[in-house]
Protein backbone atom coordinates (compact mmCIF):
# COMPACT_ATOMS: atom_id res chain seq x y z
CA UNK A 1 91.06 -40.68 4.55
CA UNK A 2 93.77 -43.22 5.13
CA UNK A 3 97.34 -42.15 4.49
CA UNK A 4 98.16 -45.10 2.27
CA UNK A 5 95.58 -43.93 -0.26
CA UNK A 6 97.82 -40.92 -0.92
CA UNK A 7 101.37 -42.03 -0.01
CA UNK A 8 103.40 -44.87 -1.48
CA UNK A 9 104.24 -47.74 0.88
CA UNK A 10 107.87 -47.00 0.00
CA UNK A 11 107.63 -44.12 2.50
CA UNK A 12 107.03 -44.32 6.24
CA UNK A 13 104.57 -41.78 7.60
CA UNK A 14 104.97 -40.48 11.15
CA UNK A 15 102.58 -38.17 12.98
CA UNK A 16 103.14 -36.35 16.26
CA UNK A 17 100.37 -36.50 18.85
CA UNK A 18 99.94 -34.67 22.14
CA UNK A 19 96.99 -36.59 23.62
CA UNK A 20 95.30 -39.98 23.58
CA UNK A 21 92.48 -38.43 21.56
CA UNK A 22 94.93 -37.32 18.86
CA UNK A 23 96.53 -40.78 19.01
CA UNK A 24 93.21 -42.46 18.18
CA UNK A 25 92.74 -40.14 15.20
CA UNK A 26 96.29 -40.78 13.94
CA UNK A 27 95.84 -44.53 14.16
CA UNK A 28 92.63 -44.21 12.14
CA UNK A 29 94.68 -42.63 9.35
CA UNK A 30 96.89 -45.70 9.02
CA UNK A 31 100.21 -44.03 9.84
CA UNK A 32 103.36 -46.10 10.31
CA UNK A 33 104.75 -44.32 13.37
CA UNK A 34 103.17 -42.22 16.10
CA UNK A 35 105.35 -39.84 18.08
CA UNK A 36 104.07 -39.26 21.59
CA UNK A 37 105.12 -35.71 22.45
CA UNK A 38 105.56 -34.73 26.11
CA UNK A 39 103.79 -37.82 27.47
CA UNK A 40 104.67 -38.97 30.99
CA UNK A 41 105.89 -42.58 31.36
CA UNK A 42 102.44 -43.53 32.69
CA UNK A 43 100.74 -41.91 29.69
CA UNK A 44 103.17 -43.72 27.37
CA UNK A 45 102.16 -47.06 28.89
CA UNK A 46 98.50 -46.25 28.27
CA UNK A 47 99.23 -45.08 24.72
CA UNK A 48 101.16 -48.27 23.92
CA UNK A 49 98.05 -50.25 24.94
CA UNK A 50 95.90 -48.07 22.66
CA UNK A 51 98.32 -48.55 19.75
CA UNK A 52 98.20 -52.32 20.21
CA UNK A 53 100.86 -52.95 17.58
CA UNK A 54 99.04 -51.01 14.84
CA UNK A 55 102.00 -48.61 14.47
CA UNK A 56 105.51 -48.11 15.75
CA UNK A 57 105.84 -45.79 18.74
CA UNK A 58 108.34 -42.99 19.30
CA UNK A 59 108.50 -40.94 22.50
CA UNK A 60 109.88 -37.43 22.60
CA UNK A 61 109.75 -34.28 24.69
CA UNK A 62 111.32 -33.60 28.07
CA UNK A 63 113.43 -36.75 27.84
CA UNK A 64 116.87 -36.39 29.36
CA UNK A 65 119.75 -38.71 30.17
CA UNK A 66 118.48 -38.67 33.76
CA UNK A 67 114.96 -39.95 32.97
CA UNK A 68 115.69 -41.94 29.80
CA UNK A 69 115.27 -45.34 31.50
CA UNK A 70 111.74 -44.39 32.60
CA UNK A 71 110.79 -44.26 28.90
CA UNK A 72 112.36 -47.62 28.00
CA UNK A 73 108.91 -49.20 28.00
CA UNK A 74 107.90 -52.36 26.19
CA UNK A 75 106.17 -51.33 22.97
CA UNK A 76 108.23 -48.16 22.50
CA UNK A 77 110.34 -48.48 19.35
CA UNK A 78 112.19 -45.16 19.42
CA UNK A 79 113.18 -42.58 22.02
CA UNK A 80 114.32 -39.17 20.84
CA UNK A 81 115.82 -36.45 22.98
CA UNK A 82 117.17 -33.03 22.20
CA UNK A 83 118.80 -32.80 25.62
CA UNK A 84 122.21 -33.75 24.26
CA UNK A 85 122.38 -30.48 22.35
CA UNK A 86 121.00 -28.15 25.03
CA UNK A 87 123.71 -25.62 25.79
CA UNK A 88 125.93 -26.87 22.98
CA UNK A 89 128.19 -24.47 21.14
CA UNK A 90 127.44 -24.16 17.46
CA UNK A 91 130.04 -23.94 14.78
CA UNK A 92 129.11 -21.99 11.66
CA UNK A 93 130.43 -23.86 8.63
CA UNK A 94 130.15 -23.02 4.98
CA UNK A 95 131.34 -24.76 1.87
CA UNK A 96 132.43 -23.01 -1.28
CA UNK A 97 132.49 -24.84 -4.56
CA UNK A 98 135.41 -23.75 -6.72
């Protein structure tokens, strides 16, 4: 079943994939964005070829400031990284409505 049969075009649909096999299945669903999780730069290049412009591409997983440029690959629309918050101190905030 294609996603657009169930979801309004007003919403973008993103699906996370962990392999080229999962990528093919996601593209068959008609999603807007595929997130390539824990792909190497070489695997990202291959995945971008598979996508062939049928969806936007996000890369995520094990991306740091040190290797970020390796993922700046033509065809990649978004790069997400949690590395900026690793080891961060958290502040517990609460809001009371009076």
